[in-house]
């Protein structure tokens, strides 16, 4: 990492730490809502470590200084493979999501805000 990248990371980490000291967790979302969101996501998606493969592919290829076009393309291909194999998505649905974005059809308000 270059010096300027490290400096930016350090300043951001310090700011988040200072903000975290002033804003406590009791001002955020109630714990019952967090459990509700977690249960909803677990019921509708297969959440596992394998779901991180597209992100890791893109990140590793970027660190290796591979062309952005190649690293993004391979990340997208890995995302399609993970969606088909582990999430049970079909190809037409994946192309629709890539074209129009993901939309929650019948979810509660907070889930729609998060995922739309």
C-alpha atoms as a PDB file:
ATOM      1  CA  UNK A   1       0.000   0.000   0.000  1.00  0.00           C
ATOM      2  CA  UNK A   2       1.356   3.385  -0.868  1.00  0.00           C
ATOM      3  CA  UNK A   3       1.915   6.069   1.742  1.00  0.00           C
ATOM      4  CA  UNK A   4      -1.066   8.117   0.576  1.00  0.00           C
ATOM      5  CA  UNK A   5      -3.331   5.054   0.777  1.00  0.00           C
ATOM      6  CA  UNK A   6      -2.103   4.244   4.274  1.00  0.00           C
ATOM      7  CA  UNK A   7      -2.555   7.847   5.369  1.00  0.00           C
ATOM      8  CA  UNK A   8      -6.130   7.891   4.064  1.00  0.00           C
ATOM      9  CA  UNK A   9      -6.880   4.596   5.819  1.00  0.00           C
ATOM     10  CA  UNK A  10      -5.374   5.861   9.086  1.00  0.00           C
ATOM     11  CA  UNK A  11      -7.340   9.131   9.029  1.00  0.00           C
ATOM     12  CA  UNK A  12     -10.583   7.287   8.233  1.00  0.00           C
ATOM     13  CA  UNK A  13      -9.988   4.751  11.010  1.00  0.00           C
ATOM     14  CA  UNK A  14      -9.345   7.548  13.514  1.00  0.00           C
ATOM     15  CA  UNK A  15     -12.496   9.417  12.481  1.00  0.00           C
ATOM     16  CA  UNK A  16     -14.661   6.294  12.754  1.00  0.00           C
ATOM     17  CA  UNK A  17     -13.141   5.532  16.158  1.00  0.00           C
ATOM     18  CA  UNK A  18     -13.863   9.047  17.439  1.00  0.00           C
ATOM     19  CA  UNK A  19     -17.408   8.996  16.039  1.00  0.00           C
ATOM     20  CA  UNK A  20     -17.927   5.572  17.605  1.00  0.00           C
ATOM     21  CA  UNK A  21     -17.057   6.986  21.017  1.00  0.00           C
ATOM     22  CA  UNK A  22     -19.733   9.680  20.751  1.00  0.00           C
ATOM     23  CA  UNK A  23     -22.541   7.630  19.219  1.00  0.00           C
ATOM     24  CA  UNK A  24     -23.503   4.630  21.310  1.00  0.00           C
ATOM     25  CA  UNK A  25     -25.166   1.528  19.943  1.00  0.00           C
ATOM     26  CA  UNK A  26     -28.387   2.134  21.878  1.00  0.00           C
ATOM     27  CA  UNK A  27     -29.332   4.930  19.475  1.00  0.00           C
ATOM     28  CA  UNK A  28     -29.390   2.562  16.500  1.00  0.00           C
ATOM     29  CA  UNK A  29     -31.754  -0.186  15.441  1.00  0.00           C
ATOM     30  CA  UNK A  30     -33.459  -2.137  18.248  1.00  0.00           C
ATOM     31  CA  UNK A  31     -32.141  -5.658  18.802  1.00  0.00           C
ATOM     32  CA  UNK A  32     -35.512  -7.168  17.892  1.00  0.00           C
ATOM     33  CA  UNK A  33     -35.274  -5.559  14.438  1.00  0.00           C
ATOM     34  CA  UNK A  34     -31.764  -6.943  13.981  1.00  0.00           C
ATOM     35  CA  UNK A  35     -33.017 -10.459  14.761  1.00  0.00           C
ATOM     36  CA  UNK A  36     -35.934  -9.932  12.392  1.00  0.00           C
ATOM     37  CA  UNK A  37     -33.637  -8.813   9.561  1.00  0.00           C
ATOM     38  CA  UNK A  38     -31.270 -11.713  10.215  1.00  0.00           C
ATOM     39  CA  UNK A  39     -34.112 -14.256  10.152  1.00  0.00           C
ATOM     40  CA  UNK A  40     -35.581 -12.762   6.978  1.00  0.00           C
ATOM     41  CA  UNK A  41     -32.251 -12.828   5.143  1.00  0.00           C
ATOM     42  CA  UNK A  42     -31.512 -16.378   6.328  1.00  0.00           C
ATOM     43  CA  UNK A  43     -34.922 -17.551   5.135  1.00  0.00           C
ATOM     44  CA  UNK A  44     -34.562 -16.005   1.662  1.00  0.00           C
ATOM     45  CA  UNK A  45     -30.844 -16.381   0.921  1.00  0.00           C
ATOM     46  CA  UNK A  46     -28.240 -19.076   1.454  1.00  0.00           C
ATOM     47  CA  UNK A  47     -25.643 -17.144   3.437  1.00  0.00           C
ATOM     48  CA  UNK A  48     -22.210 -18.754   3.653  1.00  0.00           C
ATOM     49  CA  UNK A  49     -18.526 -18.025   3.276  1.00  0.00           C
ATOM     50  CA  UNK A  50     -18.735 -19.198  -0.343  1.00  0.00           C
ATOM     51  CA  UNK A  51     -20.840 -16.135  -1.117  1.00  0.00           C
ATOM     52  CA  UNK A  52     -17.690 -14.049  -0.647  1.00  0.00           C
ATOM     53  CA  UNK A  53     -15.883 -15.689  -3.593  1.00  0.00           C
ATOM     54  CA  UNK A  54     -16.801 -12.976  -6.156  1.00  0.00           C
ATOM     55  CA  UNK A  55     -15.579 -10.216  -3.847  1.00  0.00           C
ATOM     56  CA  UNK A  56     -12.392 -12.092  -3.007  1.00  0.00           C
ATOM     57  CA  UNK A  57     -11.746 -12.807  -6.694  1.00  0.00           C
ATOM     58  CA  UNK A  58     -12.047  -9.143  -7.601  1.00  0.00           C
ATOM     59  CA  UNK A  59      -9.980  -8.044  -4.610  1.00  0.00           C
ATOM     60  CA  UNK A  60      -7.135 -10.527  -5.194  1.00  0.00           C
ATOM     61  CA  UNK A  61      -6.957  -9.753  -8.903  1.00  0.00           C
ATOM     62  CA  UNK A  62      -6.915  -6.021  -8.154  1.00  0.00           C
ATOM     63  CA  UNK A  63      -4.091  -6.469  -5.641  1.00  0.00           C
ATOM     64  CA  UNK A  64      -2.190  -8.486  -8.256  1.00  0.00           C
ATOM     65  CA  UNK A  65      -2.605  -5.443 -10.567  1.00  0.00           C
ATOM     66  CA  UNK A  66      -4.591  -7.355 -13.173  1.00  0.00           C
ATOM     67  CA  UNK A  67      -6.506  -5.205 -15.648  1.00  0.00           C
ATOM     68  CA  UNK A  68      -9.700  -3.787 -14.098  1.00  0.00           C
ATOM     69  CA  UNK A  69     -11.736  -5.123 -17.011  1.00  0.00           C
ATOM     70  CA  UNK A  70     -10.478  -8.671 -16.430  1.00  0.00           C
ATOM     71  CA  UNK A  71     -10.824  -8.537 -12.644  1.00  0.00           C
ATOM     72  CA  UNK A  72     -14.366  -7.125 -12.806  1.00  0.00           C
ATOM     73  CA  UNK A  73     -15.385  -9.603 -15.506  1.00  0.00           C
ATOM     74  CA  UNK A  74     -14.080 -12.556 -13.497  1.00  0.00           C
ATOM     75  CA  UNK A  75     -15.805 -11.182 -10.392  1.00  0.00           C
ATOM     76  CA  UNK A  76     -19.095 -11.011 -12.288  1.00  0.00           C
ATOM     77  CA  UNK A  77     -18.625 -14.542 -13.654  1.00  0.00           C
ATOM     78  CA  UNK A  78     -17.902 -15.811 -10.134  1.00  0.00           C
ATOM     79  CA  UNK A  79     -21.001 -13.979  -8.897  1.00  0.00           C
ATOM     80  CA  UNK A  80     -23.150 -15.648 -11.550  1.00  0.00           C
ATOM     81  CA  UNK A  81     -21.719 -19.066 -10.659  1.00  0.00           C
ATOM     82  CA  UNK A  82     -22.354 -18.523  -6.943  1.00  0.00           C
ATOM     83  CA  UNK A  83     -25.889 -17.276  -7.653  1.00  0.00           C
ATOM     84  CA  UNK A  84     -26.744 -20.288  -9.818  1.00  0.00           C
ATOM     85  CA  UNK A  85     -25.085 -22.991  -7.740  1.00  0.00           C
ATOM     86  CA  UNK A  86     -25.629 -21.800  -4.170  1.00  0.00           C
ATOM     87  CA  UNK A  87     -28.566 -19.373  -4.307  1.00  0.00           C
ATOM     88  CA  UNK A  88     -30.664 -21.357  -6.782  1.00  0.00           C
ATOM     89  CA  UNK A  89     -31.092 -18.461  -9.207  1.00  0.00           C
ATOM     90  CA  UNK A  90     -31.828 -19.014 -12.888  1.00  0.00           C
ATOM     91  CA  UNK A  91     -29.883 -17.424 -15.730  1.00  0.00           C
ATOM     92  CA  UNK A  92     -32.734 -15.208 -16.960  1.00  0.00           C
ATOM     93  CA  UNK A  93     -33.274 -13.884 -13.438  1.00  0.00           C
ATOM     94  CA  UNK A  94     -29.569 -13.121 -13.105  1.00  0.00           C
ATOM     95  CA  UNK A  95     -29.510 -11.170 -16.373  1.00  0.00           C
ATOM     96  CA  UNK A  96     -32.613  -9.272 -15.246  1.00  0.00           C
ATOM     97  CA  UNK A  97     -30.900  -8.369 -11.959  1.00  0.00           C
ATOM     98  CA  UNK A  98     -27.727  -7.301 -13.789  1.00  0.00           C
ATOM     99  CA  UNK A  99     -29.799  -5.104 -16.127  1.00  0.00           C
ATOM    100  CA  UNK A 100     -32.388  -3.634 -13.773  1.00  0.00           C
ATOM    101  CA  UNK A 101     -31.019  -4.190 -10.263  1.00  0.00           C
ATOM    102  CA  UNK A 102     -32.357  -6.334  -7.437  1.00  0.00           C
ATOM    103  CA  UNK A 103     -35.829  -5.592  -6.107  1.00  0.00           C
ATOM    104  CA  UNK A 104     -37.559  -7.044  -3.062  1.00  0.00           C
ATOM    105  CA  UNK A 105     -41.089  -7.985  -4.086  1.00  0.00           C
ATOM    106  CA  UNK A 106     -42.805  -8.880  -0.831  1.00  0.00           C
ATOM    107  CA  UNK A 107     -40.585  -7.820   2.024  1.00  0.00           C
ATOM    108  CA  UNK A 108     -41.196  -5.542   4.979  1.00  0.00           C
ATOM    109  CA  UNK A 109     -40.246  -1.875   4.824  1.00  0.00           C
ATOM    110  CA  UNK A 110     -36.823  -2.061   6.444  1.00  0.00           C
ATOM    111  CA  UNK A 111     -35.784  -4.970   4.209  1.00  0.00           C
ATOM    112  CA  UNK A 112     -36.905  -3.085   1.098  1.00  0.00           C
ATOM    113  CA  UNK A 113     -34.864  -0.064   2.159  1.00  0.00           C
ATOM    114  CA  UNK A 114     -31.768  -2.204   2.715  1.00  0.00           C
ATOM    115  CA  UNK A 115     -31.945  -4.341  -0.423  1.00  0.00           C
ATOM    116  CA  UNK A 116     -33.509  -2.034  -3.017  1.00  0.00           C
END
